[in-house]
Amino acid sequence: MPTLTQTENFIELEYKSGAHDYHPIPVVIEKGEGVYLWDIEGKKYYDFLSAYSAVSQGHCHPRLIKTLHDQSNKLLNWSKLTPSASKSA
């Protein structure tokens, strides 16, 4: 059996454990910043899919990171069954 690259290993794992509702792009994203994404091989991409299954605020914006950090120190997730002051803010 041939040795798989790191990208091929991640794609195979996703295929084995993920839903098969569409055919994903054969790229394994490791990080994002602003409008850019990098794969695990270090290749840089523009993120033209930012509004596909996600919000289009970009990646790792300092204000969003601070807001997420601040909120996670109060309440991270809460049911819609009851109101939450954190959700209303």
N, C-alpha and C. Protein backbone atom coordinates (compact mmCIF):
# COMPACT_ATOMS: atom_id res chain seq x y z
N MET A 1 0.85 -1.18 0.00
CA MET A 1 0.00 0.00 0.00
C MET A 1 0.90 1.25 0.00
N PRO A 2 0.66 2.20 -0.90
CA PRO A 2 1.51 3.39 -0.96
C PRO A 2 1.31 4.29 0.26
N THR A 3 2.36 5.02 0.60
CA THR A 3 2.29 5.96 1.71
C THR A 3 1.50 7.18 1.27
N LEU A 4 0.55 7.59 2.10
CA LEU A 4 -0.28 8.76 1.78
C LEU A 4 0.37 10.03 2.29
N THR A 5 0.15 11.13 1.58
CA THR A 5 0.61 12.42 2.07
C THR A 5 -0.29 12.84 3.23
N GLN A 6 0.12 13.85 3.95
CA GLN A 6 -0.68 14.37 5.06
C GLN A 6 -2.05 14.82 4.56
N THR A 7 -2.07 15.48 3.41
CA THR A 7 -3.34 15.93 2.82
C THR A 7 -4.23 14.73 2.50
N GLU A 8 -3.66 13.71 1.87
CA GLU A 8 -4.44 12.51 1.53
C GLU A 8 -4.97 11.81 2.77
N ASN A 9 -4.18 11.78 3.85
CA ASN A 9 -4.64 11.18 5.11
C ASN A 9 -5.86 11.90 5.66
N PHE A 10 -5.82 13.25 5.68
CA PHE A 10 -6.96 14.02 6.18
C PHE A 10 -8.19 13.83 5.29
N ILE A 11 -7.99 13.82 3.98
CA ILE A 11 -9.11 13.64 3.06
C ILE A 11 -9.73 12.26 3.25
N GLU A 12 -8.90 11.23 3.41
CA GLU A 12 -9.41 9.88 3.63
C GLU A 12 -10.19 9.79 4.95
N LEU A 13 -9.66 10.39 6.01
CA LEU A 13 -10.36 10.40 7.30
C LEU A 13 -11.71 11.10 7.17
N GLU A 14 -11.73 12.26 6.50
CA GLU A 14 -12.99 12.99 6.30
C GLU A 14 -13.98 12.14 5.52
N TYR A 15 -13.49 11.45 4.49
CA TYR A 15 -14.37 10.61 3.68
C TYR A 15 -14.96 9.47 4.51
N LYS A 16 -14.14 8.87 5.36
CA LYS A 16 -14.61 7.74 6.18
C LYS A 16 -15.61 8.18 7.24
N SER A 17 -15.43 9.38 7.82
CA SER A 17 -16.25 9.77 8.97
C SER A 17 -17.24 10.89 8.67
N GLY A 18 -17.16 11.53 7.52
CA GLY A 18 -18.03 12.66 7.22
C GLY A 18 -19.26 12.28 6.43
N ALA A 19 -20.17 13.23 6.32
CA ALA A 19 -21.37 13.05 5.50
C ALA A 19 -20.98 13.14 4.02
N HIS A 20 -21.67 12.42 3.20
CA HIS A 20 -21.37 12.40 1.77
C HIS A 20 -22.45 13.19 1.01
N ASP A 21 -22.64 14.45 1.42
CA ASP A 21 -23.68 15.25 0.79
C ASP A 21 -23.17 16.06 -0.41
N TYR A 22 -21.89 16.20 -0.57
CA TYR A 22 -21.30 16.83 -1.75
C TYR A 22 -19.83 16.44 -1.82
N HIS A 23 -19.18 16.76 -2.92
CA HIS A 23 -17.78 16.39 -3.09
C HIS A 23 -16.90 17.58 -2.69
N PRO A 24 -16.17 17.46 -1.59
CA PRO A 24 -15.31 18.57 -1.14
C PRO A 24 -14.11 18.78 -2.04
N ILE A 25 -13.56 19.96 -1.98
CA ILE A 25 -12.35 20.31 -2.72
C ILE A 25 -11.19 19.57 -2.06
N PRO A 26 -10.29 18.96 -2.81
CA PRO A 26 -9.20 18.17 -2.22
C PRO A 26 -8.06 19.02 -1.65
N VAL A 27 -8.40 19.87 -0.69
CA VAL A 27 -7.44 20.74 -0.01
C VAL A 27 -7.74 20.64 1.48
N VAL A 28 -6.71 20.56 2.32
CA VAL A 28 -6.90 20.52 3.77
C VAL A 28 -6.41 21.85 4.33
N ILE A 29 -7.35 22.66 4.81
CA ILE A 29 -7.04 24.00 5.31
C ILE A 29 -6.54 23.90 6.75
N GLU A 30 -5.46 24.61 7.02
CA GLU A 30 -4.87 24.60 8.36
C GLU A 30 -5.15 25.88 9.12
N LYS A 31 -5.10 27.04 8.42
CA LYS A 31 -5.32 28.30 9.13
C LYS A 31 -5.86 29.34 8.15
N GLY A 32 -6.38 30.42 8.71
CA GLY A 32 -6.88 31.52 7.91
C GLY A 32 -6.57 32.84 8.58
N GLU A 33 -6.42 33.86 7.76
CA GLU A 33 -6.20 35.21 8.28
C GLU A 33 -6.74 36.18 7.24
N GLY A 34 -7.71 37.02 7.67
CA GLY A 34 -8.31 37.96 6.73
C GLY A 34 -8.99 37.22 5.59
N VAL A 35 -8.60 37.52 4.35
CA VAL A 35 -9.20 36.87 3.18
C VAL A 35 -8.38 35.67 2.72
N TYR A 36 -7.35 35.29 3.45
CA TYR A 36 -6.44 34.24 3.02
C TYR A 36 -6.61 32.97 3.85
N LEU A 37 -6.33 31.85 3.21
CA LEU A 37 -6.29 30.53 3.84
C LEU A 37 -4.97 29.88 3.47
N TRP A 38 -4.47 29.00 4.33
CA TRP A 38 -3.28 28.21 4.04
C TRP A 38 -3.62 26.75 4.25
N ASP A 39 -3.13 25.90 3.34
CA ASP A 39 -3.34 24.47 3.52
C ASP A 39 -2.20 23.88 4.35
N ILE A 40 -2.30 22.59 4.66
CA ILE A 40 -1.29 21.97 5.51
C ILE A 40 0.04 21.80 4.79
N GLU A 41 0.06 22.04 3.49
CA GLU A 41 1.31 21.99 2.73
C GLU A 41 1.96 23.38 2.65
N GLY A 42 1.29 24.41 3.22
CA GLY A 42 1.83 25.76 3.23
C GLY A 42 1.41 26.63 2.05
N LYS A 43 0.56 26.12 1.16
CA LYS A 43 0.10 26.88 0.01
C LYS A 43 -0.97 27.89 0.43
N LYS A 44 -0.87 29.12 -0.08
CA LYS A 44 -1.76 30.22 0.28
C LYS A 44 -2.87 30.36 -0.76
N TYR A 45 -4.10 30.60 -0.29
CA TYR A 45 -5.27 30.74 -1.16
C TYR A 45 -6.06 31.99 -0.77
N TYR A 46 -6.79 32.56 -1.72
CA TYR A 46 -7.85 33.52 -1.40
C TYR A 46 -9.06 32.71 -0.97
N ASP A 47 -9.78 33.17 0.04
CA ASP A 47 -10.99 32.47 0.48
C ASP A 47 -12.19 33.03 -0.25
N PHE A 48 -12.51 32.44 -1.39
CA PHE A 48 -13.69 32.85 -2.14
C PHE A 48 -14.93 32.10 -1.69
N LEU A 49 -14.79 31.21 -0.70
CA LEU A 49 -15.92 30.45 -0.20
C LEU A 49 -16.39 30.95 1.16
N SER A 50 -16.01 32.14 1.55
CA SER A 50 -16.28 32.61 2.91
C SER A 50 -17.76 32.67 3.25
N ALA A 51 -18.64 32.85 2.31
CA ALA A 51 -20.08 32.90 2.62
C ALA A 51 -20.75 31.55 2.39
N TYR A 52 -19.98 30.53 2.02
CA TYR A 52 -20.53 29.20 1.79
C TYR A 52 -20.46 28.42 3.09
N SER A 53 -21.60 28.16 3.69
CA SER A 53 -21.71 27.45 4.96
C SER A 53 -21.07 28.18 6.12
N ALA A 54 -20.82 29.45 6.00
CA ALA A 54 -20.21 30.22 7.08
C ALA A 54 -20.55 31.70 6.90
N VAL A 55 -20.14 32.49 7.83
CA VAL A 55 -20.34 33.93 7.74
C VAL A 55 -19.13 34.53 7.03
N SER A 56 -19.34 35.62 6.36
CA SER A 56 -18.25 36.18 5.55
C SER A 56 -17.51 37.31 6.27
N GLN A 57 -17.07 37.07 7.49
CA GLN A 57 -16.34 38.10 8.23
C GLN A 57 -14.83 37.98 8.07
N GLY A 58 -14.36 37.02 7.31
CA GLY A 58 -12.93 36.82 7.18
C GLY A 58 -12.45 35.89 8.29
N HIS A 59 -11.14 35.77 8.41
CA HIS A 59 -10.57 34.83 9.37
C HIS A 59 -9.68 35.56 10.37
N CYS A 60 -9.88 35.27 11.64
CA CYS A 60 -9.00 35.71 12.73
C CYS A 60 -8.87 37.23 12.85
N HIS A 61 -9.95 37.95 12.58
CA HIS A 61 -9.90 39.40 12.78
C HIS A 61 -9.71 39.67 14.28
N PRO A 62 -8.78 40.55 14.64
CA PRO A 62 -8.47 40.78 16.06
C PRO A 62 -9.69 41.16 16.91
N ARG A 63 -10.61 41.96 16.37
CA ARG A 63 -11.81 42.33 17.15
C ARG A 63 -12.71 41.13 17.38
N LEU A 64 -12.85 40.28 16.36
CA LEU A 64 -13.68 39.09 16.53
C LEU A 64 -13.05 38.10 17.51
N ILE A 65 -11.74 37.94 17.42
CA ILE A 65 -11.04 37.05 18.36
C ILE A 65 -11.22 37.54 19.79
N LYS A 66 -11.08 38.84 20.01
CA LYS A 66 -11.27 39.41 21.35
C LYS A 66 -12.70 39.19 21.84
N THR A 67 -13.67 39.44 20.95
CA THR A 67 -15.07 39.25 21.32
C THR A 67 -15.36 37.80 21.65
N LEU A 68 -14.85 36.87 20.85
CA LEU A 68 -15.03 35.44 21.13
C LEU A 68 -14.39 35.05 22.46
N HIS A 69 -13.19 35.56 22.69
CA HIS A 69 -12.50 35.26 23.94
C HIS A 69 -13.28 35.81 25.13
N ASP A 70 -13.70 37.07 25.04
CA ASP A 70 -14.45 37.68 26.14
C ASP A 70 -15.75 36.92 26.41
N GLN A 71 -16.47 36.58 25.35
CA GLN A 71 -17.74 35.86 25.51
C GLN A 71 -17.51 34.48 26.09
N SER A 72 -16.46 33.79 25.67
CA SER A 72 -16.22 32.43 26.17
C SER A 72 -15.89 32.42 27.65
N ASN A 73 -15.45 33.55 28.18
CA ASN A 73 -15.19 33.64 29.62
C ASN A 73 -16.47 33.87 30.42
N LYS A 74 -17.57 34.19 29.73
CA LYS A 74 -18.87 34.39 30.39
C LYS A 74 -19.76 33.18 30.21
N LEU A 75 -20.07 32.89 28.95
CA LEU A 75 -20.98 31.80 28.62
C LEU A 75 -20.73 31.44 27.17
N LEU A 76 -20.40 30.20 26.90
CA LEU A 76 -20.03 29.83 25.54
C LEU A 76 -21.23 29.43 24.70
N ASN A 77 -22.10 28.62 25.23
CA ASN A 77 -23.24 28.14 24.47
C ASN A 77 -24.41 27.95 25.42
N TRP A 78 -25.58 28.32 24.96
CA TRP A 78 -26.76 28.17 25.81
C TRP A 78 -27.95 27.86 24.94
N SER A 79 -28.86 27.11 25.46
CA SER A 79 -30.05 26.71 24.74
C SER A 79 -30.95 27.90 24.45
N LYS A 80 -31.73 27.77 23.38
CA LYS A 80 -32.72 28.80 23.07
C LYS A 80 -33.96 28.64 23.94
N LEU A 81 -33.97 27.60 24.81
CA LEU A 81 -35.10 27.34 25.66
C LEU A 81 -35.34 28.45 26.67
N THR A 82 -34.27 29.08 27.14
CA THR A 82 -34.39 30.20 28.08
C THR A 82 -33.57 31.37 27.58
N PRO A 83 -33.97 32.59 27.93
CA PRO A 83 -33.18 33.76 27.54
C PRO A 83 -31.83 33.78 28.25
N SER A 84 -30.88 34.41 27.63
CA SER A 84 -29.55 34.57 28.20
C SER A 84 -29.12 36.01 27.99
N ALA A 85 -28.61 36.65 29.02
CA ALA A 85 -28.13 38.03 28.88
C ALA A 85 -26.99 38.09 27.88
N SER A 86 -26.19 37.05 27.81
CA SER A 86 -25.08 37.04 26.87
C SER A 86 -25.54 36.99 25.42
N LYS A 87 -26.62 36.23 25.15
CA LYS A 87 -27.14 36.14 23.80
C LYS A 87 -27.76 37.46 23.37
N SER A 88 -28.32 38.19 24.31
CA SER A 88 -29.04 39.43 24.00
C SER A 88 -28.09 40.60 23.79
N ALA A 89 -26.88 40.48 24.29
CA ALA A 89 -25.93 41.61 24.22
C ALA A 89 -25.41 41.83 22.83
